[in-house]
Amino acid sequence: DLMDKDLKRICVNTNELKEKISEKLRNWNKEDIEVVCDV
């Protein structure tokens, strides 16, 4: 719902979640959305 509506960054609290979301964004060709991990 949000990735085509000016979503700029996703902040997560685990590296596993970061990898999971990053892979989804790659499959959707939305690698311009920054994914950062802050434990």
PDB file of all heavy atoms in Angstrom:
ATOM      1  N   ASP A   1       0.814  -1.221   0.000  1.00  0.00           N
ATOM      2  CA  ASP A   1       0.000   0.000   0.000  1.00  0.00           C
ATOM      3  C   ASP A   1       0.844   1.268   0.000  1.00  0.00           C
ATOM      4  O   ASP A   1       0.460   2.282  -0.579  1.00  0.00           O
ATOM      5  CB  ASP A   1      -0.919   0.025   1.230  1.00  0.00           C
ATOM      6  CG  ASP A   1      -2.133  -0.876   1.064  1.00  0.00           C
ATOM      7  OD1 ASP A   1      -2.348  -1.348  -0.066  1.00  0.00           O
ATOM      8  OD2 ASP A   1      -2.839  -1.107   2.044  1.00  0.00           O
ATOM      9  N   LEU A   2       1.998   1.218   0.667  1.00  0.00           N
ATOM     10  CA  LEU A   2       2.760   2.453   0.904  1.00  0.00           C
ATOM     11  C   LEU A   2       3.969   2.658  -0.001  1.00  0.00           C
ATOM     12  O   LEU A   2       4.419   3.791  -0.170  1.00  0.00           O
ATOM     13  CB  LEU A   2       3.236   2.484   2.371  1.00  0.00           C
ATOM     14  CG  LEU A   2       2.153   2.606   3.444  1.00  0.00           C
ATOM     15  CD1 LEU A   2       2.802   2.523   4.829  1.00  0.00           C
ATOM     16  CD2 LEU A   2       1.384   3.904   3.307  1.00  0.00           C
ATOM     17  N   MET A   3       4.507   1.599  -0.584  1.00  0.00           N
ATOM     18  CA  MET A   3       5.797   1.752  -1.259  1.00  0.00           C
ATOM     19  C   MET A   3       5.727   2.647  -2.498  1.00  0.00           C
ATOM     20  O   MET A   3       6.751   3.207  -2.914  1.00  0.00           O
ATOM     21  CB  MET A   3       6.378   0.389  -1.628  1.00  0.00           C
ATOM     22  CG  MET A   3       5.596  -0.402  -2.625  1.00  0.00           C
ATOM     23  SD  MET A   3       6.366  -2.027  -2.853  1.00  0.00           S
ATOM     24  CE  MET A   3       5.222  -2.766  -4.014  1.00  0.00           C
ATOM     25  N   ASP A   4       4.542   2.812  -3.058  1.00  0.00           N
ATOM     26  CA  ASP A   4       4.405   3.714  -4.204  1.00  0.00           C
ATOM     27  C   ASP A   4       3.813   5.063  -3.795  1.00  0.00           C
ATOM     28  O   ASP A   4       3.359   5.838  -4.638  1.00  0.00           O
ATOM     29  CB  ASP A   4       3.529   3.069  -5.283  1.00  0.00           C
ATOM     30  CG  ASP A   4       4.211   1.860  -5.921  1.00  0.00           C
ATOM     31  OD1 ASP A   4       5.353   2.013  -6.380  1.00  0.00           O
ATOM     32  OD2 ASP A   4       3.601   0.780  -5.940  1.00  0.00           O
ATOM     33  N   LYS A   5       3.794   5.331  -2.482  1.00  0.00           N
ATOM     34  CA  LYS A   5       3.212   6.576  -1.975  1.00  0.00           C
ATOM     35  C   LYS A   5       4.234   7.354  -1.153  1.00  0.00           C
ATOM     36  O   LYS A   5       3.995   7.732  -0.010  1.00  0.00           O
ATOM     37  CB  LYS A   5       1.959   6.268  -1.153  1.00  0.00           C
ATOM     38  CG  LYS A   5       0.850   5.629  -1.990  1.00  0.00           C
ATOM     39  CD  LYS A   5      -0.347   5.233  -1.148  1.00  0.00           C
ATOM     40  CE  LYS A   5      -1.410   4.546  -2.005  1.00  0.00           C
ATOM     41  NZ  LYS A   5      -2.532   4.042  -1.202  1.00  0.00           N
ATOM     42  N   ASP A   6       5.401   7.553  -1.745  1.00  0.00           N
ATOM     43  CA  ASP A   6       6.463   8.396  -1.173  1.00  0.00           C
ATOM     44  C   ASP A   6       7.052   7.855   0.123  1.00  0.00           C
ATOM     45  O   ASP A   6       7.544   8.637   0.955  1.00  0.00           O
ATOM     46  CB  ASP A   6       5.956   9.830  -0.945  1.00  0.00           C
ATOM     47  CG  ASP A   6       5.527  10.494  -2.240  1.00  0.00           C
ATOM     48  OD1 ASP A   6       6.203  10.281  -3.251  1.00  0.00           O
ATOM     49  OD2 ASP A   6       4.512  11.210  -2.235  1.00  0.00           O
ATOM     50  N   LEU A   7       7.018   6.545   0.328  1.00  0.00           N
ATOM     51  CA  LEU A   7       7.702   5.967   1.480  1.00  0.00           C
ATOM     52  C   LEU A   7       9.208   6.036   1.235  1.00  0.00           C
ATOM     53  O   LEU A   7       9.697   5.552   0.218  1.00  0.00           O
ATOM     54  CB  LEU A   7       7.265   4.515   1.691  1.00  0.00           C
ATOM     55  CG  LEU A   7       7.863   3.788   2.892  1.00  0.00           C
ATOM     56  CD1 LEU A   7       7.426   4.437   4.196  1.00  0.00           C
ATOM     57  CD2 LEU A   7       7.481   2.308   2.875  1.00  0.00           C
ATOM     58  N   LYS A   8       9.942   6.655   2.168  1.00  0.00           N
ATOM     59  CA  LYS A   8      11.375   6.892   1.967  1.00  0.00           C
ATOM     60  C   LYS A   8      12.265   5.939   2.753  1.00  0.00           C
ATOM     61  O   LYS A   8      13.333   5.562   2.284  1.00  0.00           O
ATOM     62  CB  LYS A   8      11.728   8.329   2.361  1.00  0.00           C
ATOM     63  CG  LYS A   8      10.986   9.397   1.571  1.00  0.00           C
ATOM     64  CD  LYS A   8      11.310   9.348   0.089  1.00  0.00           C
ATOM     65  CE  LYS A   8      10.608  10.470  -0.675  1.00  0.00           C
ATOM     66  NZ  LYS A   8      10.826  10.353  -2.141  1.00  0.00           N
ATOM     67  N   ARG A   9      11.849   5.576   3.956  1.00  0.00           N
ATOM     68  CA  ARG A   9      12.742   4.781   4.806  1.00  0.00           C
ATOM     69  C   ARG A   9      11.939   3.815   5.665  1.00  0.00           C
ATOM     70  O   ARG A   9      10.831   4.122   6.096  1.00  0.00           O
ATOM     71  CB  ARG A   9      13.564   5.703   5.713  1.00  0.00           C
ATOM     72  CG  ARG A   9      14.542   4.959   6.638  1.00  0.00           C
ATOM     73  CD  ARG A   9      15.202   5.902   7.624  1.00  0.00           C
ATOM     74  NE  ARG A   9      15.992   6.911   6.942  1.00  0.00           N
ATOM     75  CZ  ARG A   9      16.075   8.175   7.327  1.00  0.00           C
ATOM     76  NH1 ARG A   9      15.379   8.596   8.366  1.00  0.00           N
ATOM     77  NH2 ARG A   9      16.828   9.026   6.666  1.00  0.00           N
ATOM     78  N   ILE A  10      12.534   2.649   5.917  1.00  0.00           N
ATOM     79  CA  ILE A  10      11.963   1.668   6.833  1.00  0.00           C
ATOM     80  C   ILE A  10      13.012   1.367   7.888  1.00  0.00           C
ATOM     81  O   ILE A  10      14.142   0.995   7.560  1.00  0.00           O
ATOM     82  CB  ILE A  10      11.564   0.369   6.098  1.00  0.00           C
ATOM     83  CG1 ILE A  10      10.556   0.668   4.977  1.00  0.00           C
ATOM     84  CG2 ILE A  10      10.976  -0.643   7.078  1.00  0.00           C
ATOM     85  CD1 ILE A  10      10.269  -0.520   4.075  1.00  0.00           C
ATOM     86  N   CYS A  11      12.655   1.541   9.149  1.00  0.00           N
ATOM     87  CA  CYS A  11      13.582   1.294  10.251  1.00  0.00           C
ATOM     88  C   CYS A  11      13.094   0.084  11.042  1.00  0.00           C
ATOM     89  O   CYS A  11      11.943   0.038  11.467  1.00  0.00           O
ATOM     90  CB  CYS A  11      13.677   2.530  11.156  1.00  0.00           C
ATOM     91  SG  CYS A  11      14.974   2.393  12.411  1.00  0.00           S
ATOM     92  N   VAL A  12      13.973  -0.898  11.231  1.00  0.00           N
ATOM     93  CA  VAL A  12      13.617  -2.137  11.929  1.00  0.00           C
ATOM     94  C   VAL A  12      14.571  -2.371  13.099  1.00  0.00           C
ATOM     95  O   VAL A  12      15.593  -1.709  13.217  1.00  0.00           O
ATOM     96  CB  VAL A  12      13.650  -3.341  10.959  1.00  0.00           C
ATOM     97  CG1 VAL A  12      12.699  -3.128   9.798  1.00  0.00           C
ATOM     98  CG2 VAL A  12      15.071  -3.559  10.432  1.00  0.00           C
ATOM     99  N   ASN A  13      14.215  -3.347  13.942  1.00  0.00           N
ATOM    100  CA  ASN A  13      15.042  -3.571  15.136  1.00  0.00           C
ATOM    101  C   ASN A  13      15.809  -4.884  15.123  1.00  0.00           C
ATOM    102  O   ASN A  13      16.440  -5.240  16.117  1.00  0.00           O
ATOM    103  CB  ASN A  13      14.179  -3.482  16.404  1.00  0.00           C
ATOM    104  CG  ASN A  13      13.180  -4.630  16.517  1.00  0.00           C
ATOM    105  OD1 ASN A  13      12.779  -5.229  15.515  1.00  0.00           O
ATOM    106  ND2 ASN A  13      12.779  -4.945  17.738  1.00  0.00           N
ATOM    107  N   THR A  14      15.749  -5.627  14.010  1.00  0.00           N
ATOM    108  CA  THR A  14      16.564  -6.844  13.896  1.00  0.00           C
ATOM    109  C   THR A  14      17.135  -6.947  12.487  1.00  0.00           C
ATOM    110  O   THR A  14      16.499  -6.523  11.516  1.00  0.00           O
ATOM    111  CB  THR A  14      15.744  -8.126  14.188  1.00  0.00           C
ATOM    112  OG1 THR A  14      14.821  -8.365  13.110  1.00  0.00           O
ATOM    113  CG2 THR A  14      14.990  -8.021  15.506  1.00  0.00           C
ATOM    114  N   ASN A  15      18.318  -7.544  12.388  1.00  0.00           N
ATOM    115  CA  ASN A  15      18.938  -7.734  11.077  1.00  0.00           C
ATOM    116  C   ASN A  15      18.148  -8.725  10.221  1.00  0.00           C
ATOM    117  O   ASN A  15      18.095  -8.592   8.999  1.00  0.00           O
ATOM    118  CB  ASN A  15      20.383  -8.227  11.250  1.00  0.00           C
ATOM    119  CG  ASN A  15      21.323  -7.111  11.671  1.00  0.00           C
ATOM    120  OD1 ASN A  15      21.370  -6.051  11.035  1.00  0.00           O
ATOM    121  ND2 ASN A  15      22.068  -7.330  12.751  1.00  0.00           N
ATOM    122  N   GLU A  16      17.537  -9.694  10.881  1.00  0.00           N
ATOM    123  CA  GLU A  16      16.720 -10.675  10.154  1.00  0.00           C
ATOM    124  C   GLU A  16      15.544  -9.989   9.461  1.00  0.00           C
ATOM    125  O   GLU A  16      15.235 -10.273   8.298  1.00  0.00           O
ATOM    126  CB  GLU A  16      16.207 -11.733  11.131  1.00  0.00           C
ATOM    127  CG  GLU A  16      15.369 -12.818  10.466  1.00  0.00           C
ATOM    128  CD  GLU A  16      14.814 -13.819  11.464  1.00  0.00           C
ATOM    129  OE1 GLU A  16      15.126 -13.713  12.668  1.00  0.00           O
ATOM    130  OE2 GLU A  16      14.042 -14.699  11.035  1.00  0.00           O
ATOM    131  N   LEU A  17      14.906  -9.074  10.174  1.00  0.00           N
ATOM    132  CA  LEU A  17      13.779  -8.338   9.601  1.00  0.00           C
ATOM    133  C   LEU A  17      14.250  -7.417   8.482  1.00  0.00           C
ATOM    134  O   LEU A  17      13.561  -7.255   7.461  1.00  0.00           O
ATOM    135  CB  LEU A  17      13.083  -7.528  10.699  1.00  0.00           C
ATOM    136  CG  LEU A  17      11.720  -6.898  10.367  1.00  0.00           C
ATOM    137  CD1 LEU A  17      10.744  -7.936   9.848  1.00  0.00           C
ATOM    138  CD2 LEU A  17      11.152  -6.209  11.602  1.00  0.00           C
ATOM    139  N   LYS A  18      15.428  -6.840   8.653  1.00  0.00           N
ATOM    140  CA  LYS A  18      15.986  -5.971   7.607  1.00  0.00           C
ATOM    141  C   LYS A  18      16.183  -6.749   6.308  1.00  0.00           C
ATOM    142  O   LYS A  18      15.818  -6.270   5.219  1.00  0.00           O
ATOM    143  CB  LYS A  18      17.316  -5.377   8.069  1.00  0.00           C
ATOM    144  CG  LYS A  18      17.978  -4.492   7.012  1.00  0.00           C
ATOM    145  CD  LYS A  18      19.343  -4.010   7.449  1.00  0.00           C
ATOM    146  CE  LYS A  18      20.001  -3.201   6.330  1.00  0.00           C
ATOM    147  NZ  LYS A  18      21.374  -2.760   6.696  1.00  0.00           N
ATOM    148  N   GLU A  19      16.751  -7.950   6.413  1.00  0.00           N
ATOM    149  CA  GLU A  19      16.985  -8.764   5.228  1.00  0.00           C
ATOM    150  C   GLU A  19      15.672  -9.203   4.581  1.00  0.00           C
ATOM    151  O   GLU A  19      15.535  -9.215   3.356  1.00  0.00           O
ATOM    152  CB  GLU A  19      17.821  -9.997   5.592  1.00  0.00           C
ATOM    153  CG  GLU A  19      19.278  -9.685   5.872  1.00  0.00           C
ATOM    154  CD  GLU A  19      19.947  -8.961   4.716  1.00  0.00           C
ATOM    155  OE1 GLU A  19      19.784  -9.419   3.560  1.00  0.00           O
ATOM    156  OE2 GLU A  19      20.606  -7.935   4.953  1.00  0.00           O
ATOM    157  N   LYS A  20      14.705  -9.545   5.419  1.00  0.00           N
ATOM    158  CA  LYS A  20      13.399  -9.984   4.926  1.00  0.00           C
ATOM    159  C   LYS A  20      12.718  -8.882   4.121  1.00  0.00           C
ATOM    160  O   LYS A  20      12.219  -9.118   3.005  1.00  0.00           O
ATOM    161  CB  LYS A  20      12.521 -10.389   6.120  1.00  0.00           C
ATOM    162  CG  LYS A  20      11.102 -10.795   5.759  1.00  0.00           C
ATOM    163  CD  LYS A  20      10.300 -11.102   7.027  1.00  0.00           C
ATOM    164  CE  LYS A  20       8.837 -11.355   6.715  1.00  0.00           C
ATOM    165  NZ  LYS A  20       8.050 -11.613   7.957  1.00  0.00           N
ATOM    166  N   ILE A  21      12.706  -7.660   4.656  1.00  0.00           N
ATOM    167  CA  ILE A  21      12.055  -6.539   3.973  1.00  0.00           C
ATOM    168  C   ILE A  21      12.851  -6.128   2.738  1.00  0.00           C
ATOM    169  O   ILE A  21      12.273  -5.828   1.679  1.00  0.00           O
ATOM    170  CB  ILE A  21      11.883  -5.354   4.941  1.00  0.00           C
ATOM    171  CG1 ILE A  21      10.848  -5.719   6.019  1.00  0.00           C
ATOM    172  CG2 ILE A  21      11.444  -4.101   4.191  1.00  0.00           C
ATOM    173  CD1 ILE A  21      10.683  -4.677   7.092  1.00  0.00           C
ATOM    174  N   SER A  22      14.175  -6.123   2.841  1.00  0.00           N
ATOM    175  CA  SER A  22      15.020  -5.744   1.701  1.00  0.00           C
ATOM    176  C   SER A  22      14.795  -6.670   0.516  1.00  0.00           C
ATOM    177  O   SER A  22      14.739  -6.228  -0.636  1.00  0.00           O
ATOM    178  CB  SER A  22      16.501  -5.758   2.110  1.00  0.00           C
ATOM    179  OG  SER A  22      16.758  -4.799   3.109  1.00  0.00           O
ATOM    180  N   GLU A  23      14.635  -7.958   0.804  1.00  0.00           N
ATOM    181  CA  GLU A  23      14.389  -8.926  -0.276  1.00  0.00           C
ATOM    182  C   GLU A  23      13.039  -8.664  -0.945  1.00  0.00           C
ATOM    183  O   GLU A  23      12.917  -8.727  -2.173  1.00  0.00           O
ATOM    184  CB  GLU A  23      14.424 -10.347   0.286  1.00  0.00           C
ATOM    185  CG  GLU A  23      14.234 -11.404  -0.791  1.00  0.00           C
ATOM    186  CD  GLU A  23      14.290 -12.824  -0.254  1.00  0.00           C
ATOM    187  OE1 GLU A  23      14.542 -12.988   0.957  1.00  0.00           O
ATOM    188  OE2 GLU A  23      14.069 -13.758  -1.046  1.00  0.00           O
ATOM    189  N   LYS A  24      12.022  -8.346  -0.141  1.00  0.00           N
ATOM    190  CA  LYS A  24      10.706  -8.042  -0.699  1.00  0.00           C
ATOM    191  C   LYS A  24      10.788  -6.822  -1.613  1.00  0.00           C
ATOM    192  O   LYS A  24      10.216  -6.801  -2.711  1.00  0.00           O
ATOM    193  CB  LYS A  24       9.703  -7.783   0.423  1.00  0.00           C
ATOM    194  CG  LYS A  24       9.337  -8.995   1.256  1.00  0.00           C
ATOM    195  CD  LYS A  24       8.377  -8.618   2.373  1.00  0.00           C
ATOM    196  CE  LYS A  24       8.104  -9.785   3.305  1.00  0.00           C
ATOM    197  NZ  LYS A  24       7.403 -10.911   2.653  1.00  0.00           N
ATOM    198  N   LEU A  25      11.504  -5.785  -1.166  1.00  0.00           N
ATOM    199  CA  LEU A  25      11.622  -4.563  -1.962  1.00  0.00           C
ATOM    200  C   LEU A  25      12.379  -4.812  -3.265  1.00  0.00           C
ATOM    201  O   LEU A  25      12.055  -4.229  -4.302  1.00  0.00           O
ATOM    202  CB  LEU A  25      12.320  -3.467  -1.141  1.00  0.00           C
ATOM    203  CG  LEU A  25      11.533  -2.954   0.085  1.00  0.00           C
ATOM    204  CD1 LEU A  25      12.373  -1.952   0.861  1.00  0.00           C
ATOM    205  CD2 LEU A  25      10.207  -2.328  -0.341  1.00  0.00           C
ATOM    206  N   ARG A  26      13.372  -5.697  -3.219  1.00  0.00           N
ATOM    207  CA  ARG A  26      14.104  -6.049  -4.447  1.00  0.00           C
ATOM    208  C   ARG A  26      13.166  -6.733  -5.445  1.00  0.00           C
ATOM    209  O   ARG A  26      13.195  -6.440  -6.642  1.00  0.00           O
ATOM    210  CB  ARG A  26      15.290  -6.971  -4.122  1.00  0.00           C
ATOM    211  CG  ARG A  26      16.500  -6.253  -3.536  1.00  0.00           C
ATOM    212  CD  ARG A  26      17.732  -7.138  -3.565  1.00  0.00           C
ATOM    213  NE  ARG A  26      17.593  -8.286  -2.668  1.00  0.00           N
ATOM    214  CZ  ARG A  26      17.939  -8.277  -1.370  1.00  0.00           C
ATOM    215  NH1 ARG A  26      18.437  -7.170  -0.826  1.00  0.00           N
ATOM    216  NH2 ARG A  26      17.780  -9.355  -0.629  1.00  0.00           N
ATOM    217  N   ASN A  27      12.327  -7.620  -4.931  1.00  0.00           N
ATOM    218  CA  ASN A  27      11.383  -8.324  -5.805  1.00  0.00           C
ATOM    219  C   ASN A  27      10.362  -7.370  -6.423  1.00  0.00           C
ATOM    220  O   ASN A  27       9.836  -7.626  -7.499  1.00  0.00           O
ATOM    221  CB  ASN A  27      10.654  -9.412  -5.018  1.00  0.00           C
ATOM    222  CG  ASN A  27      11.577 -10.547  -4.611  1.00  0.00           C
ATOM    223  OD1 ASN A  27      12.606 -10.775  -5.244  1.00  0.00           O
ATOM    224  ND2 ASN A  27      11.218 -11.258  -3.550  1.00  0.00           N
ATOM    225  N   TRP A  28      10.077  -6.268  -5.717  1.00  0.00           N
ATOM    226  CA  TRP A  28       9.115  -5.275  -6.203  1.00  0.00           C
ATOM    227  C   TRP A  28       9.796  -4.110  -6.931  1.00  0.00           C
ATOM    228  O   TRP A  28       9.145  -3.133  -7.287  1.00  0.00           O
ATOM    229  CB  TRP A  28       8.294  -4.718  -5.036  1.00  0.00           C
ATOM    230  CG  TRP A  28       7.345  -5.706  -4.433  1.00  0.00           C
ATOM    231  CD1 TRP A  28       6.632  -6.664  -5.098  1.00  0.00           C
ATOM    232  CD2 TRP A  28       6.992  -5.840  -3.052  1.00  0.00           C
ATOM    233  NE1 TRP A  28       5.856  -7.381  -4.211  1.00  0.00           N
ATOM    234  CE2 TRP A  28       6.045  -6.896  -2.950  1.00  0.00           C
ATOM    235  CE3 TRP A  28       7.366  -5.159  -1.879  1.00  0.00           C
ATOM    236  CZ2 TRP A  28       5.494  -7.287  -1.722  1.00  0.00           C
ATOM    237  CZ3 TRP A  28       6.807  -5.561  -0.668  1.00  0.00           C
ATOM    238  CH2 TRP A  28       5.886  -6.607  -0.603  1.00  0.00           C
ATOM    239  N   ASN A  29      11.114  -4.213  -7.148  1.00  0.00           N
ATOM    240  CA  ASN A  29      11.885  -3.146  -7.801  1.00  0.00           C
ATOM    241  C   ASN A  29      11.739  -1.806  -7.074  1.00  0.00           C
ATOM    242  O   ASN A  29      11.598  -0.744  -7.701  1.00  0.00           O
ATOM    243  CB  ASN A  29      11.453  -2.989  -9.273  1.00  0.00           C
ATOM    244  CG  ASN A  29      11.782  -4.211 -10.109  1.00  0.00           C
ATOM    245  OD1 ASN A  29      12.860  -4.787  -9.977  1.00  0.00           O
ATOM    246  ND2 ASN A  29      10.848  -4.614 -10.955  1.00  0.00           N
ATOM    247  N   LYS A  30      11.800  -1.869  -5.747  1.00  0.00           N
ATOM    248  CA  LYS A  30      11.708  -0.650  -4.935  1.00  0.00           C
ATOM    249  C   LYS A  30      12.919  -0.521  -4.016  1.00  0.00           C
ATOM    250  O   LYS A  30      12.818  -0.210  -2.829  1.00  0.00           O
ATOM    251  CB  LYS A  30      10.416  -0.664  -4.113  1.00  0.00           C
ATOM    252  CG  LYS A  30       9.153  -0.520  -4.919  1.00  0.00           C
ATOM    253  CD  LYS A  30       9.063   0.807  -5.654  1.00  0.00           C
ATOM    254  CE  LYS A  30       8.926   1.987  -4.734  1.00  0.00           C
ATOM    255  NZ  LYS A  30       8.738   3.267  -5.479  1.00  0.00           N
ATOM    256  N   GLU A  31      14.102  -0.728  -4.592  1.00  0.00           N
ATOM    257  CA  GLU A  31      15.335  -0.659  -3.806  1.00  0.00           C
ATOM    258  C   GLU A  31      15.719   0.773  -3.442  1.00  0.00           C
ATOM    259  O   GLU A  31      16.689   0.995  -2.705  1.00  0.00           O
ATOM    260  CB  GLU A  31      16.469  -1.337  -4.574  1.00  0.00           C
ATOM    261  CG  GLU A  31      16.251  -2.840  -4.739  1.00  0.00           C
ATOM    262  CD  GLU A  31      17.308  -3.505  -5.592  1.00  0.00           C
ATOM    263  OE1 GLU A  31      18.372  -3.836  -5.038  1.00  0.00           O
ATOM    264  OE2 GLU A  31      17.071  -3.671  -6.813  1.00  0.00           O
ATOM    265  N   ASP A  32      14.967   1.759  -3.967  1.00  0.00           N
ATOM    266  CA  ASP A  32      15.232   3.151  -3.608  1.00  0.00           C
ATOM    267  C   ASP A  32      14.745   3.468  -2.192  1.00  0.00           C
ATOM    268  O   ASP A  32      15.106   4.504  -1.622  1.00  0.00           O
ATOM    269  CB  ASP A  32      14.557   4.104  -4.600  1.00  0.00           C
ATOM    270  CG  ASP A  32      13.051   3.862  -4.715  1.00  0.00           C
ATOM    271  OD1 ASP A  32      12.653   2.685  -4.735  1.00  0.00           O
ATOM    272  OD2 ASP A  32      12.294   4.841  -4.788  1.00  0.00           O
ATOM    273  N   ILE A  33      13.935   2.587  -1.599  1.00  0.00           N
ATOM    274  CA  ILE A  33      13.489   2.778  -0.216  1.00  0.00           C
ATOM    275  C   ILE A  33      14.587   2.269   0.717  1.00  0.00           C
ATOM    276  O   ILE A  33      14.986   1.102   0.654  1.00  0.00           O
ATOM    277  CB  ILE A  33      12.168   2.034   0.060  1.00  0.00           C
ATOM    278  CG1 ILE A  33      11.050   2.582  -0.837  1.00  0.00           C
ATOM    279  CG2 ILE A  33      11.778   2.167   1.529  1.00  0.00           C
ATOM    280  CD1 ILE A  33       9.737   1.825  -0.717  1.00  0.00           C
ATOM    281  N   GLU A  34      15.067   3.141   1.570  1.00  0.00           N
ATOM    282  CA  GLU A  34      16.156   2.798   2.482  1.00  0.00           C
ATOM    283  C   GLU A  34      15.645   1.918   3.624  1.00  0.00           C
ATOM    284  O   GLU A  34      14.599   2.196   4.219  1.00  0.00           O
ATOM    285  CB  GLU A  34      16.763   4.078   3.057  1.00  0.00           C
ATOM    286  CG  GLU A  34      17.943   3.846   3.990  1.00  0.00           C
ATOM    287  CD  GLU A  34      18.459   5.123   4.624  1.00  0.00           C
ATOM    288  OE1 GLU A  34      17.767   6.161   4.515  1.00  0.00           O
ATOM    289  OE2 GLU A  34      19.542   5.080   5.225  1.00  0.00           O
ATOM    290  N   VAL A  35      16.386   0.851   3.926  1.00  0.00           N
ATOM    291  CA  VAL A  35      16.046  -0.019   5.050  1.00  0.00           C
ATOM    292  C   VAL A  35      17.220  -0.007   6.028  1.00  0.00           C
ATOM    293  O   VAL A  35      18.344  -0.359   5.668  1.00  0.00           O
ATOM    294  CB  VAL A  35      15.768  -1.468   4.595  1.00  0.00           C
ATOM    295  CG1 VAL A  35      15.312  -2.320   5.787  1.00  0.00           C
ATOM    296  CG2 VAL A  35      14.717  -1.505   3.498  1.00  0.00           C
ATOM    297  N   VAL A  36      16.971   0.429   7.248  1.00  0.00           N
ATOM    298  CA  VAL A  36      18.038   0.527   8.254  1.00  0.00           C
ATOM    299  C   VAL A  36      17.648  -0.279   9.487  1.00  0.00           C
ATOM    300  O   VAL A  36      16.470  -0.460   9.792  1.00  0.00           O
ATOM    301  CB  VAL A  36      18.309   1.996   8.652  1.00  0.00           C
ATOM    302  CG1 VAL A  36      18.808   2.788   7.465  1.00  0.00           C
ATOM    303  CG2 VAL A  36      17.072   2.647   9.242  1.00  0.00           C
ATOM    304  N   CYS A  37      18.674  -0.760  10.190  1.00  0.00           N
ATOM    305  CA  CYS A  37      18.449  -1.538  11.404  1.00  0.00           C
ATOM    306  C   CYS A  37      19.017  -0.783  12.598  1.00  0.00           C
ATOM    307  O   CYS A  37      20.159  -0.317  12.571  1.00  0.00           O
ATOM    308  CB  CYS A  37      19.112  -2.912  11.283  1.00  0.00           C
ATOM    309  SG  CYS A  37      18.921  -3.938  12.758  1.00  0.00           S
ATOM    310  N   ASP A  38      18.210  -0.655  13.623  1.00  0.00           N
ATOM    311  CA  ASP A  38      18.636  -0.014  14.863  1.00  0.00           C
ATOM    312  C   ASP A  38      18.183  -0.914  16.002  1.00  0.00           C
ATOM    313  O   ASP A  38      17.006  -0.977  16.338  1.00  0.00           O
ATOM    314  CB  ASP A  38      17.997   1.378  14.988  1.00  0.00           C
ATOM    315  CG  ASP A  38      18.521   2.148  16.194  1.00  0.00           C
ATOM    316  OD1 ASP A  38      19.170   1.523  17.055  1.00  0.00           O
ATOM    317  OD2 ASP A  38      18.273   3.359  16.269  1.00  0.00           O
ATOM    318  N   VAL A  39      19.129  -1.625  16.613  1.00  0.00           N
ATOM    319  CA  VAL A  39      18.775  -2.593  17.652  1.00  0.00           C
ATOM    320  C   VAL A  39      18.454  -1.916  18.976  1.00  0.00           C
ATOM    321  O   VAL A  39      17.936  -2.546  19.899  1.00  0.00           O
ATOM    322  CB  VAL A  39      19.903  -3.628  17.862  1.00  0.00           C
ATOM    323  CG1 VAL A  39      20.079  -4.481  16.629  1.00  0.00           C
ATOM    324  CG2 VAL A  39      21.216  -2.951  18.225  1.00  0.00           C
TER     325      VAL A  39
END
